[in-house]
Amino acid sequence: MPESLSKLERTAAELTQIRGPRHPETLLSRAQLASARRQAGDLEASLSDYEELLPDLLRALGRERPGTLDVGTTRPIEVESGDTRAAIVEYEKRVRPLLDRLRATYSRLI
């Protein structure tokens, strides 16, 4: 495992423990980890990360917040036989606007 990937894993785990799984910094760190795993070619782990991240983003933003559901996060992403790359691309499209909203609301310390 590349050193940068293991560092991202440690950071995400530490932030989850210290600040909680739905803190904006933790969510950002988890998204960075998912993206790094995709870039490293670990598509299944990346997809799993995004699948776990989206519900936490929705909880952090709240379903009542205007625009939260505009990114289509309420419908599951269909993964055609082996089309993991397409599913990851779709998750990344949904995660990015949610993270942008969180950064606008909270100061980023990491």
PDB file of N, CA and C in Angstrom:
ATOM      1  N   MET A   1       0.841  -1.172   0.000  1.00  0.00           N
ATOM      2  CA  MET A   1       0.000   0.000   0.000  1.00  0.00           C
ATOM      3  C   MET A   1       0.892   1.243   0.000  1.00  0.00           C
ATOM      4  N   PRO A   2       0.614   2.192  -0.890  1.00  0.00           N
ATOM      5  CA  PRO A   2       1.418   3.415  -0.910  1.00  0.00           C
ATOM      6  C   PRO A   2       1.324   4.163   0.412  1.00  0.00           C
ATOM      7  N   GLU A   3       2.413   4.835   0.770  1.00  0.00           N
ATOM      8  CA  GLU A   3       2.476   5.536   2.045  1.00  0.00           C
ATOM      9  C   GLU A   3       1.377   6.596   2.160  1.00  0.00           C
ATOM     10  N   SER A   4       1.109   7.318   1.074  1.00  0.00           N
ATOM     11  CA  SER A   4       0.094   8.368   1.133  1.00  0.00           C
ATOM     12  C   SER A   4      -1.292   7.784   1.396  1.00  0.00           C
ATOM     13  N   LEU A   5      -1.565   6.596   0.850  1.00  0.00           N
ATOM     14  CA  LEU A   5      -2.853   5.952   1.077  1.00  0.00           C
ATOM     15  C   LEU A   5      -2.991   5.511   2.532  1.00  0.00           C
ATOM     16  N   SER A   6      -1.937   4.945   3.091  1.00  0.00           N
ATOM     17  CA  SER A   6      -2.003   4.537   4.496  1.00  0.00           C
ATOM     18  C   SER A   6      -2.115   5.760   5.405  1.00  0.00           C
ATOM     19  N   LYS A   7      -1.509   6.889   5.014  1.00  0.00           N
ATOM     20  CA  LYS A   7      -1.635   8.113   5.797  1.00  0.00           C
ATOM     21  C   LYS A   7      -3.075   8.620   5.755  1.00  0.00           C
ATOM     22  N   LEU A   8      -3.712   8.562   4.590  1.00  0.00           N
ATOM     23  CA  LEU A   8      -5.111   8.968   4.479  1.00  0.00           C
ATOM     24  C   LEU A   8      -6.010   8.066   5.315  1.00  0.00           C
ATOM     25  N   GLU A   9      -5.726   6.779   5.329  1.00  0.00           N
ATOM     26  CA  GLU A   9      -6.510   5.847   6.142  1.00  0.00           C
ATOM     27  C   GLU A   9      -6.383   6.190   7.630  1.00  0.00           C
ATOM     28  N   ARG A  10      -5.154   6.457   8.072  1.00  0.00           N
ATOM     29  CA  ARG A  10      -4.933   6.818   9.483  1.00  0.00           C
ATOM     30  C   ARG A  10      -5.644   8.128   9.830  1.00  0.00           C
ATOM     31  N   THR A  11      -5.541   9.101   8.939  1.00  0.00           N
ATOM     32  CA  THR A  11      -6.171  10.394   9.182  1.00  0.00           C
ATOM     33  C   THR A  11      -7.680  10.248   9.286  1.00  0.00           C
ATOM     34  N   ALA A  12      -8.279   9.512   8.360  1.00  0.00           N
ATOM     35  CA  ALA A  12      -9.737   9.306   8.389  1.00  0.00           C
ATOM     36  C   ALA A  12     -10.150   8.590   9.675  1.00  0.00           C
ATOM     37  N   ALA A  13      -9.385   7.588  10.069  1.00  0.00           N
ATOM     38  CA  ALA A  13      -9.700   6.842  11.298  1.00  0.00           C
ATOM     39  C   ALA A  13      -9.556   7.727  12.533  1.00  0.00           C
ATOM     40  N   GLU A  14      -8.498   8.530  12.578  1.00  0.00           N
ATOM     41  CA  GLU A  14      -8.284   9.406  13.730  1.00  0.00           C
ATOM     42  C   GLU A  14      -9.371  10.472  13.824  1.00  0.00           C
ATOM     43  N   LEU A  15      -9.715  11.083  12.687  1.00  0.00           N
ATOM     44  CA  LEU A  15     -10.756  12.104  12.703  1.00  0.00           C
ATOM     45  C   LEU A  15     -12.102  11.509  13.097  1.00  0.00           C
ATOM     46  N   THR A  16     -12.366  10.304  12.625  1.00  0.00           N
ATOM     47  CA  THR A  16     -13.614   9.639  13.002  1.00  0.00           C
ATOM     48  C   THR A  16     -13.674   9.432  14.502  1.00  0.00           C
ATOM     49  N   GLN A  17     -12.557   9.015  15.082  1.00  0.00           N
ATOM     50  CA  GLN A  17     -12.515   8.763  16.524  1.00  0.00           C
ATOM     51  C   GLN A  17     -12.580  10.062  17.327  1.00  0.00           C
ATOM     52  N   ILE A  18     -11.863  11.084  16.897  1.00  0.00           N
ATOM     53  CA  ILE A  18     -11.768  12.322  17.665  1.00  0.00           C
ATOM     54  C   ILE A  18     -12.984  13.224  17.461  1.00  0.00           C
ATOM     55  N   ARG A  19     -13.385  13.403  16.206  1.00  0.00           N
ATOM     56  CA  ARG A  19     -14.435  14.379  15.912  1.00  0.00           C
ATOM     57  C   ARG A  19     -15.776  13.760  15.540  1.00  0.00           C
ATOM     58  N   GLY A  20     -15.760  12.459  15.302  1.00  0.00           N
ATOM     59  CA  GLY A  20     -17.003  11.776  14.952  1.00  0.00           C
ATOM     60  C   GLY A  20     -17.142  11.577  13.446  1.00  0.00           C
ATOM     61  N   PRO A  21     -17.956  10.600  13.034  1.00  0.00           N
ATOM     62  CA  PRO A  21     -18.054  10.232  11.626  1.00  0.00           C
ATOM     63  C   PRO A  21     -18.734  11.271  10.739  1.00  0.00           C
ATOM     64  N   ARG A  22     -19.468  12.215  11.329  1.00  0.00           N
ATOM     65  CA  ARG A  22     -20.210  13.182  10.511  1.00  0.00           C
ATOM     66  C   ARG A  22     -19.649  14.595  10.572  1.00  0.00           C
ATOM     67  N   HIS A  23     -18.513  14.763  11.238  1.00  0.00           N
ATOM     68  CA  HIS A  23     -17.873  16.079  11.286  1.00  0.00           C
ATOM     69  C   HIS A  23     -17.383  16.425   9.875  1.00  0.00           C
ATOM     70  N   PRO A  24     -17.490  17.690   9.465  1.00  0.00           N
ATOM     71  CA  PRO A  24     -17.086  18.068   8.109  1.00  0.00           C
ATOM     72  C   PRO A  24     -15.664  17.658   7.738  1.00  0.00           C
ATOM     73  N   GLU A  25     -14.725  17.798   8.666  1.00  0.00           N
ATOM     74  CA  GLU A  25     -13.349  17.404   8.370  1.00  0.00           C
ATOM     75  C   GLU A  25     -13.243  15.901   8.171  1.00  0.00           C
ATOM     76  N   THR A  26     -13.980  15.141   8.963  1.00  0.00           N
ATOM     77  CA  THR A  26     -13.977  13.689   8.819  1.00  0.00           C
ATOM     78  C   THR A  26     -14.562  13.296   7.469  1.00  0.00           C
ATOM     79  N   LEU A  27     -15.676  13.913   7.105  1.00  0.00           N
ATOM     80  CA  LEU A  27     -16.309  13.606   5.820  1.00  0.00           C
ATOM     81  C   LEU A  27     -15.376  13.932   4.657  1.00  0.00           C
ATOM     82  N   LEU A  28     -14.710  15.056   4.739  1.00  0.00           N
ATOM     83  CA  LEU A  28     -13.762  15.431   3.690  1.00  0.00           C
ATOM     84  C   LEU A  28     -12.620  14.425   3.616  1.00  0.00           C
ATOM     85  N   SER A  29     -12.111  14.031   4.768  1.00  0.00           N
ATOM     86  CA  SER A  29     -11.019  13.062   4.811  1.00  0.00           C
ATOM     87  C   SER A  29     -11.446  11.719   4.213  1.00  0.00           C
ATOM     88  N   ARG A  30     -12.656  11.294   4.536  1.00  0.00           N
ATOM     89  CA  ARG A  30     -13.164  10.025   3.989  1.00  0.00           C
ATOM     90  C   ARG A  30     -13.336  10.110   2.476  1.00  0.00           C
ATOM     91  N   ALA A  31     -13.763  11.262   1.977  1.00  0.00           N
ATOM     92  CA  ALA A  31     -13.900  11.436   0.535  1.00  0.00           C
ATOM     93  C   ALA A  31     -12.531  11.411  -0.147  1.00  0.00           C
ATOM     94  N   GLN A  32     -11.545  12.022   0.488  1.00  0.00           N
ATOM     95  CA  GLN A  32     -10.190  12.001  -0.062  1.00  0.00           C
ATOM     96  C   GLN A  32      -9.640  10.581  -0.103  1.00  0.00           C
ATOM     97  N   LEU A  33      -9.949   9.805   0.931  1.00  0.00           N
ATOM     98  CA  LEU A  33      -9.510   8.412   0.970  1.00  0.00           C
ATOM     99  C   LEU A  33     -10.166   7.615  -0.154  1.00  0.00           C
ATOM    100  N   ALA A  34     -11.452   7.791  -0.347  1.00  0.00           N
ATOM    101  CA  ALA A  34     -12.160   7.078  -1.417  1.00  0.00           C
ATOM    102  C   ALA A  34     -11.575   7.431  -2.781  1.00  0.00           C
ATOM    103  N   SER A  35     -11.300   8.700  -2.984  1.00  0.00           N
ATOM    104  CA  SER A  35     -10.717   9.142  -4.253  1.00  0.00           C
ATOM    105  C   SER A  35      -9.311   8.565  -4.443  1.00  0.00           C
ATOM    106  N   ALA A  36      -8.517   8.566  -3.384  1.00  0.00           N
ATOM    107  CA  ALA A  36      -7.153   8.019  -3.466  1.00  0.00           C
ATOM    108  C   ALA A  36      -7.185   6.524  -3.776  1.00  0.00           C
ATOM    109  N   ARG A  37      -8.120   5.818  -3.189  1.00  0.00           N
ATOM    110  CA  ARG A  37      -8.236   4.383  -3.482  1.00  0.00           C
ATOM    111  C   ARG A  37      -8.600   4.157  -4.947  1.00  0.00           C
ATOM    112  N   ARG A  38      -9.485   5.011  -5.476  1.00  0.00           N
ATOM    113  CA  ARG A  38      -9.831   4.902  -6.900  1.00  0.00           C
ATOM    114  C   ARG A  38      -8.594   5.140  -7.752  1.00  0.00           C
ATOM    115  N   GLN A  39      -7.854   6.185  -7.430  1.00  0.00           N
ATOM    116  CA  GLN A  39      -6.660   6.516  -8.202  1.00  0.00           C
ATOM    117  C   GLN A  39      -5.605   5.420  -8.112  1.00  0.00           C
ATOM    118  N   ALA A  40      -5.574   4.698  -6.989  1.00  0.00           N
ATOM    119  CA  ALA A  40      -4.621   3.607  -6.809  1.00  0.00           C
ATOM    120  C   ALA A  40      -5.088   2.316  -7.489  1.00  0.00           C
ATOM    121  N   GLY A  41      -6.324   2.346  -8.014  1.00  0.00           N
ATOM    122  CA  GLY A  41      -6.837   1.176  -8.720  1.00  0.00           C
ATOM    123  C   GLY A  41      -7.652   0.222  -7.874  1.00  0.00           C
ATOM    124  N   ASP A  42      -7.892   0.565  -6.609  1.00  0.00           N
ATOM    125  CA  ASP A  42      -8.692  -0.295  -5.732  1.00  0.00           C
ATOM    126  C   ASP A  42     -10.148   0.140  -5.843  1.00  0.00           C
ATOM    127  N   LEU A  43     -10.784  -0.256  -6.948  1.00  0.00           N
ATOM    128  CA  LEU A  43     -12.120   0.226  -7.262  1.00  0.00           C
ATOM    129  C   LEU A  43     -13.176  -0.267  -6.283  1.00  0.00           C
ATOM    130  N   GLU A  44     -13.084  -1.507  -5.856  1.00  0.00           N
ATOM    131  CA  GLU A  44     -14.085  -2.042  -4.932  1.00  0.00           C
ATOM    132  C   GLU A  44     -14.044  -1.304  -3.588  1.00  0.00           C
ATOM    133  N   ALA A  45     -12.845  -1.049  -3.064  1.00  0.00           N
ATOM    134  CA  ALA A  45     -12.734  -0.325  -1.797  1.00  0.00           C
ATOM    135  C   ALA A  45     -13.217   1.111  -1.958  1.00  0.00           C
ATOM    136  N   SER A  46     -12.903   1.724  -3.083  1.00  0.00           N
ATOM    137  CA  SER A  46     -13.344   3.085  -3.341  1.00  0.00           C
ATOM    138  C   SER A  46     -14.870   3.165  -3.400  1.00  0.00           C
ATOM    139  N   LEU A  47     -15.478   2.232  -4.115  1.00  0.00           N
ATOM    140  CA  LEU A  47     -16.931   2.205  -4.216  1.00  0.00           C
ATOM    141  C   LEU A  47     -17.565   1.999  -2.847  1.00  0.00           C
ATOM    142  N   SER A  48     -17.008   1.101  -2.070  1.00  0.00           N
ATOM    143  CA  SER A  48     -17.506   0.857  -0.722  1.00  0.00           C
ATOM    144  C   SER A  48     -17.409   2.117   0.142  1.00  0.00           C
ATOM    145  N   ASP A  49     -16.286   2.834   0.022  1.00  0.00           N
ATOM    146  CA  ASP A  49     -16.110   4.080   0.771  1.00  0.00           C
ATOM    147  C   ASP A  49     -17.200   5.089   0.414  1.00  0.00           C
ATOM    148  N   TYR A  50     -17.444   5.246  -0.886  1.00  0.00           N
ATOM    149  CA  TYR A  50     -18.466   6.208  -1.314  1.00  0.00           C
ATOM    150  C   TYR A  50     -19.865   5.782  -0.871  1.00  0.00           C
ATOM    151  N   GLU A  51     -20.145   4.499  -0.906  1.00  0.00           N
ATOM    152  CA  GLU A  51     -21.455   4.010  -0.469  1.00  0.00           C
ATOM    153  C   GLU A  51     -21.682   4.316   1.013  1.00  0.00           C
ATOM    154  N   GLU A  52     -20.627   4.237   1.817  1.00  0.00           N
ATOM    155  CA  GLU A  52     -20.737   4.541   3.243  1.00  0.00           C
ATOM    156  C   GLU A  52     -20.759   6.046   3.502  1.00  0.00           C
ATOM    157  N   LEU A  53     -20.110   6.807   2.642  1.00  0.00           N
ATOM    158  CA  LEU A  53     -19.980   8.245   2.837  1.00  0.00           C
ATOM    159  C   LEU A  53     -21.269   9.008   2.555  1.00  0.00           C
ATOM    160  N   LEU A  54     -21.971   8.651   1.500  1.00  0.00           N
ATOM    161  CA  LEU A  54     -23.153   9.420   1.109  1.00  0.00           C
ATOM    162  C   LEU A  54     -24.219   9.527   2.199  1.00  0.00           C
ATOM    163  N   PRO A  55     -24.607   8.443   2.857  1.00  0.00           N
ATOM    164  CA  PRO A  55     -25.616   8.596   3.922  1.00  0.00           C
ATOM    165  C   PRO A  55     -25.147   9.502   5.057  1.00  0.00           C
ATOM    166  N   ASP A  56     -23.851   9.454   5.385  1.00  0.00           N
ATOM    167  CA  ASP A  56     -23.330  10.315   6.444  1.00  0.00           C
ATOM    168  C   ASP A  56     -23.344  11.782   6.011  1.00  0.00           C
ATOM    169  N   LEU A  57     -23.074  12.036   4.744  1.00  0.00           N
ATOM    170  CA  LEU A  57     -23.161  13.407   4.237  1.00  0.00           C
ATOM    171  C   LEU A  57     -24.589  13.924   4.337  1.00  0.00           C
ATOM    172  N   LEU A  58     -25.539  13.086   3.963  1.00  0.00           N
ATOM    173  CA  LEU A  58     -26.941  13.499   4.049  1.00  0.00           C
ATOM    174  C   LEU A  58     -27.349  13.781   5.483  1.00  0.00           C
ATOM    175  N   ARG A  59     -26.905  12.940   6.413  1.00  0.00           N
ATOM    176  CA  ARG A  59     -27.224  13.165   7.823  1.00  0.00           C
ATOM    177  C   ARG A  59     -26.578  14.455   8.315  1.00  0.00           C
ATOM    178  N   ALA A  60     -25.351  14.719   7.885  1.00  0.00           N
ATOM    179  CA  ALA A  60     -24.657  15.925   8.329  1.00  0.00           C
ATOM    180  C   ALA A  60     -25.343  17.184   7.801  1.00  0.00           C
ATOM    181  N   LEU A  61     -25.825  17.126   6.586  1.00  0.00           N
ATOM    182  CA  LEU A  61     -26.482  18.288   5.988  1.00  0.00           C
ATOM    183  C   LEU A  61     -27.942  18.385   6.371  1.00  0.00           C
ATOM    184  N   GLY A  62     -28.550  17.258   6.628  1.00  0.00           N
ATOM    185  CA  GLY A  62     -29.977  17.240   6.935  1.00  0.00           C
ATOM    186  C   GLY A  62     -30.797  17.189   5.665  1.00  0.00           C
ATOM    187  N   ARG A  63     -31.777  16.335   5.653  1.00  0.00           N
ATOM    188  CA  ARG A  63     -32.614  16.179   4.469  1.00  0.00           C
ATOM    189  C   ARG A  63     -33.510  17.389   4.227  1.00  0.00           C
ATOM    190  N   GLU A  64     -33.723  18.199   5.250  1.00  0.00           N
ATOM    191  CA  GLU A  64     -34.599  19.352   5.101  1.00  0.00           C
ATOM    192  C   GLU A  64     -33.888  20.537   4.456  1.00  0.00           C
ATOM    193  N   ARG A  65     -32.594  20.500   4.420  1.00  0.00           N
ATOM    194  CA  ARG A  65     -31.827  21.615   3.886  1.00  0.00           C
ATOM    195  C   ARG A  65     -32.081  21.750   2.392  1.00  0.00           C
ATOM    196  N   PRO A  66     -32.414  22.940   1.902  1.00  0.00           N
ATOM    197  CA  PRO A  66     -32.692  23.103   0.473  1.00  0.00           C
ATOM    198  C   PRO A  66     -31.517  22.662  -0.382  1.00  0.00           C
ATOM    199  N   GLY A  67     -31.797  21.920  -1.410  1.00  0.00           N
ATOM    200  CA  GLY A  67     -30.768  21.493  -2.349  1.00  0.00           C
ATOM    201  C   GLY A  67     -30.057  20.215  -1.995  1.00  0.00           C
ATOM    202  N   THR A  68     -30.258  19.705  -0.775  1.00  0.00           N
ATOM    203  CA  THR A  68     -29.537  18.505  -0.370  1.00  0.00           C
ATOM    204  C   THR A  68     -29.846  17.340  -1.299  1.00  0.00           C
ATOM    205  N   LEU A  69     -31.103  17.178  -1.654  1.00  0.00           N
ATOM    206  CA  LEU A  69     -31.491  16.031  -2.457  1.00  0.00           C
ATOM    207  C   LEU A  69     -31.335  16.262  -3.954  1.00  0.00           C
ATOM    208  N   ASP A  70     -30.940  17.480  -4.342  1.00  0.00           N
ATOM    209  CA  ASP A  70     -30.797  17.778  -5.762  1.00  0.00           C
ATOM    210  C   ASP A  70     -29.751  16.907  -6.446  1.00  0.00           C
ATOM    211  N   VAL A  71     -28.822  16.369  -5.690  1.00  0.00           N
ATOM    212  CA  VAL A  71     -27.746  15.587  -6.288  1.00  0.00           C
ATOM    213  C   VAL A  71     -28.132  14.129  -6.483  1.00  0.00           C
ATOM    214  N   GLY A  72     -29.362  13.786  -6.199  1.00  0.00           N
ATOM    215  CA  GLY A  72     -29.839  12.436  -6.473  1.00  0.00           C
ATOM    216  C   GLY A  72     -29.369  11.389  -5.495  1.00  0.00           C
ATOM    217  N   THR A  73     -29.103  11.759  -4.281  1.00  0.00           N
ATOM    218  CA  THR A  73     -28.551  10.811  -3.329  1.00  0.00           C
ATOM    219  C   THR A  73     -29.590   9.876  -2.733  1.00  0.00           C
ATOM    220  N   THR A  74     -30.861  10.068  -3.068  1.00  0.00           N
ATOM    221  CA  THR A  74     -31.861   9.189  -2.479  1.00  0.00           C
ATOM    222  C   THR A  74     -32.081   7.926  -3.292  1.00  0.00           C
ATOM    223  N   ARG A  75     -31.614   7.896  -4.498  1.00  0.00           N
ATOM    224  CA  ARG A  75     -31.802   6.677  -5.292  1.00  0.00           C
ATOM    225  C   ARG A  75     -30.477   5.904  -5.341  1.00  0.00           C
ATOM    226  N   PRO A  76     -30.550   4.592  -5.232  1.00  0.00           N
ATOM    227  CA  PRO A  76     -29.305   3.811  -5.227  1.00  0.00           C
ATOM    228  C   PRO A  76     -28.644   3.831  -6.600  1.00  0.00           C
ATOM    229  N   ILE A  77     -27.360   3.685  -6.594  1.00  0.00           N
ATOM    230  CA  ILE A  77     -26.604   3.618  -7.843  1.00  0.00           C
ATOM    231  C   ILE A  77     -26.551   2.171  -8.282  1.00  0.00           C
ATOM    232  N   GLU A  78     -27.018   1.936  -9.477  1.00  0.00           N
ATOM    233  CA  GLU A  78     -27.000   0.581 -10.017  1.00  0.00           C
ATOM    234  C   GLU A  78     -25.597   0.276 -10.546  1.00  0.00           C
ATOM    235  N   VAL A  79     -25.054  -0.822 -10.118  1.00  0.00           N
ATOM    236  CA  VAL A  79     -23.755  -1.246 -10.622  1.00  0.00           C
ATOM    237  C   VAL A  79     -23.998  -2.405 -11.569  1.00  0.00           C
ATOM    238  N   GLU A  80     -23.876  -2.105 -12.853  1.00  0.00           N
ATOM    239  CA  GLU A  80     -24.017  -3.155 -13.861  1.00  0.00           C
ATOM    240  C   GLU A  80     -22.915  -4.173 -13.621  1.00  0.00           C
ATOM    241  N   SER A  81     -23.052  -5.322 -14.201  1.00  0.00           N
ATOM    242  CA  SER A  81     -22.072  -6.386 -13.971  1.00  0.00           C
ATOM    243  C   SER A  81     -20.652  -5.871 -14.198  1.00  0.00           C
ATOM    244  N   GLY A  82     -19.951  -5.623 -13.093  1.00  0.00           N
ATOM    245  CA  GLY A  82     -18.554  -5.219 -13.167  1.00  0.00           C
ATOM    246  C   GLY A  82     -18.319  -3.768 -13.528  1.00  0.00           C
ATOM    247  N   ASP A  83     -19.339  -2.933 -13.623  1.00  0.00           N
ATOM    248  CA  ASP A  83     -19.146  -1.535 -14.008  1.00  0.00           C
ATOM    249  C   ASP A  83     -18.877  -0.673 -12.781  1.00  0.00           C
ATOM    250  N   THR A  84     -17.867  -1.033 -12.032  1.00  0.00           N
ATOM    251  CA  THR A  84     -17.525  -0.334 -10.805  1.00  0.00           C
ATOM    252  C   THR A  84     -17.056   1.080 -11.090  1.00  0.00           C
ATOM    253  N   ARG A  85     -16.300   1.263 -12.163  1.00  0.00           N
ATOM    254  CA  ARG A  85     -15.791   2.601 -12.497  1.00  0.00           C
ATOM    255  C   ARG A  85     -16.925   3.592 -12.700  1.00  0.00           C
ATOM    256  N   ALA A  86     -17.957   3.191 -13.415  1.00  0.00           N
ATOM    257  CA  ALA A  86     -19.096   4.085 -13.655  1.00  0.00           C
ATOM    258  C   ALA A  86     -19.803   4.422 -12.350  1.00  0.00           C
ATOM    259  N   ALA A  87     -19.912   3.442 -11.464  1.00  0.00           N
ATOM    260  CA  ALA A  87     -20.556   3.687 -10.175  1.00  0.00           C
ATOM    261  C   ALA A  87     -19.742   4.681  -9.351  1.00  0.00           C
ATOM    262  N   ILE A  88     -18.419   4.550  -9.366  1.00  0.00           N
ATOM    263  CA  ILE A  88     -17.571   5.473  -8.611  1.00  0.00           C
ATOM    264  C   ILE A  88     -17.692   6.879  -9.168  1.00  0.00           C
ATOM    265  N   VAL A  89     -17.697   7.008 -10.482  1.00  0.00           N
ATOM    266  CA  VAL A  89     -17.857   8.321 -11.098  1.00  0.00           C
ATOM    267  C   VAL A  89     -19.171   8.954 -10.645  1.00  0.00           C
ATOM    268  N   GLU A  90     -20.231   8.161 -10.607  1.00  0.00           N
ATOM    269  CA  GLU A  90     -21.534   8.669 -10.171  1.00  0.00           C
ATOM    270  C   GLU A  90     -21.495   9.087  -8.703  1.00  0.00           C
ATOM    271  N   TYR A  91     -20.880   8.290  -7.845  1.00  0.00           N
ATOM    272  CA  TYR A  91     -20.768   8.660  -6.436  1.00  0.00           C
ATOM    273  C   TYR A  91     -19.968   9.945  -6.279  1.00  0.00           C
ATOM    274  N   GLU A  92     -18.863  10.075  -7.019  1.00  0.00           N
ATOM    275  CA  GLU A  92     -18.056  11.286  -6.906  1.00  0.00           C
ATOM    276  C   GLU A  92     -18.847  12.517  -7.333  1.00  0.00           C
ATOM    277  N   LYS A  93     -19.693  12.381  -8.346  1.00  0.00           N
ATOM    278  CA  LYS A  93     -20.540  13.501  -8.774  1.00  0.00           C
ATOM    279  C   LYS A  93     -21.492  13.910  -7.660  1.00  0.00           C
ATOM    280  N   ARG A  94     -21.970  12.954  -6.890  1.00  0.00           N
ATOM    281  CA  ARG A  94     -22.924  13.240  -5.819  1.00  0.00           C
ATOM    282  C   ARG A  94     -22.247  13.765  -4.567  1.00  0.00           C
ATOM    283  N   VAL A  95     -21.043  13.270  -4.285  1.00  0.00           N
ATOM    284  CA  VAL A  95     -20.340  13.659  -3.063  1.00  0.00           C
ATOM    285  C   VAL A  95     -19.809  15.089  -3.153  1.00  0.00           C
ATOM    286  N   ARG A  96     -19.279  15.464  -4.291  1.00  0.00           N
ATOM    287  CA  ARG A  96     -18.616  16.763  -4.439  1.00  0.00           C
ATOM    288  C   ARG A  96     -19.509  17.947  -4.035  1.00  0.00           C
ATOM    289  N   PRO A  97     -20.750  18.054  -4.535  1.00  0.00           N
ATOM    290  CA  PRO A  97     -21.583  19.200  -4.138  1.00  0.00           C
ATOM    291  C   PRO A  97     -21.919  19.203  -2.645  1.00  0.00           C
ATOM    292  N   LEU A  98     -22.073  18.023  -2.057  1.00  0.00           N
ATOM    293  CA  LEU A  98     -22.373  17.956  -0.631  1.00  0.00           C
ATOM    294  C   LEU A  98     -21.186  18.431   0.195  1.00  0.00           C
ATOM    295  N   LEU A  99     -19.984  18.012  -0.189  1.00  0.00           N
ATOM    296  CA  LEU A  99     -18.793  18.468   0.520  1.00  0.00           C
ATOM    297  C   LEU A  99     -18.603  19.967   0.345  1.00  0.00           C
ATOM    298  N   ASP A 100     -18.894  20.470  -0.839  1.00  0.00           N
ATOM    299  CA  ASP A 100     -18.785  21.915  -1.067  1.00  0.00           C
ATOM    300  C   ASP A 100     -19.713  22.671  -0.121  1.00  0.00           C
ATOM    301  N   ARG A 101     -20.914  22.175   0.072  1.00  0.00           N
ATOM    302  CA  ARG A 101     -21.840  22.832   1.004  1.00  0.00           C
ATOM    303  C   ARG A 101     -21.306  22.806   2.430  1.00  0.00           C
ATOM    304  N   LEU A 102     -20.721  21.719   2.829  1.00  0.00           N
ATOM    305  CA  LEU A 102     -20.181  21.644   4.190  1.00  0.00           C
ATOM    306  C   LEU A 102     -19.015  22.607   4.380  1.00  0.00           C
ATOM    307  N   ARG A 103     -18.161  22.729   3.408  1.00  0.00           N
ATOM    308  CA  ARG A 103     -17.027  23.652   3.529  1.00  0.00           C
ATOM    309  C   ARG A 103     -17.495  25.096   3.604  1.00  0.00           C
ATOM    310  N   ALA A 104     -18.605  25.397   2.980  1.00  0.00           N
ATOM    311  CA  ALA A 104     -19.145  26.753   3.026  1.00  0.00           C
ATOM    312  C   ALA A 104     -19.685  27.064   4.411  1.00  0.00           C
ATOM    313  N   THR A 105     -20.076  26.052   5.148  1.00  0.00           N
ATOM    314  CA  THR A 105     -20.695  26.235   6.445  1.00  0.00           C
ATOM    315  C   THR A 105     -19.664  26.143   7.586  1.00  0.00           C
ATOM    316  N   TYR A 106     -18.681  25.270   7.428  1.00  0.00           N
ATOM    317  CA  TYR A 106     -17.719  25.008   8.490  1.00  0.00           C
ATOM    318  C   TYR A 106     -16.306  25.402   8.050  1.00  0.00           C
ATOM    319  N   SER A 107     -15.499  25.837   8.992  1.00  0.00           N
ATOM    320  CA  SER A 107     -14.111  26.128   8.652  1.00  0.00           C
ATOM    321  C   SER A 107     -13.355  24.814   8.523  1.00  0.00           C
ATOM    322  N   ARG A 108     -12.475  24.763   7.577  1.00  0.00           N
ATOM    323  CA  ARG A 108     -11.680  23.555   7.338  1.00  0.00           C
ATOM    324  C   ARG A 108     -10.357  23.700   8.062  1.00  0.00           C
ATOM    325  N   LEU A 109     -10.070  22.781   8.965  1.00  0.00           N
ATOM    326  CA  LEU A 109      -8.874  22.875   9.788  1.00  0.00           C
ATOM    327  C   LEU A 109      -7.756  21.938   9.373  1.00  0.00           C
ATOM    328  N   ILE A 110      -8.039  21.014   8.447  1.00  0.00           N
ATOM    329  CA  ILE A 110      -6.976  20.064   8.062  1.00  0.00           C
ATOM    330  C   ILE A 110      -6.429  20.418   6.703  1.00  0.00           C
TER     331      ILE A 110
END
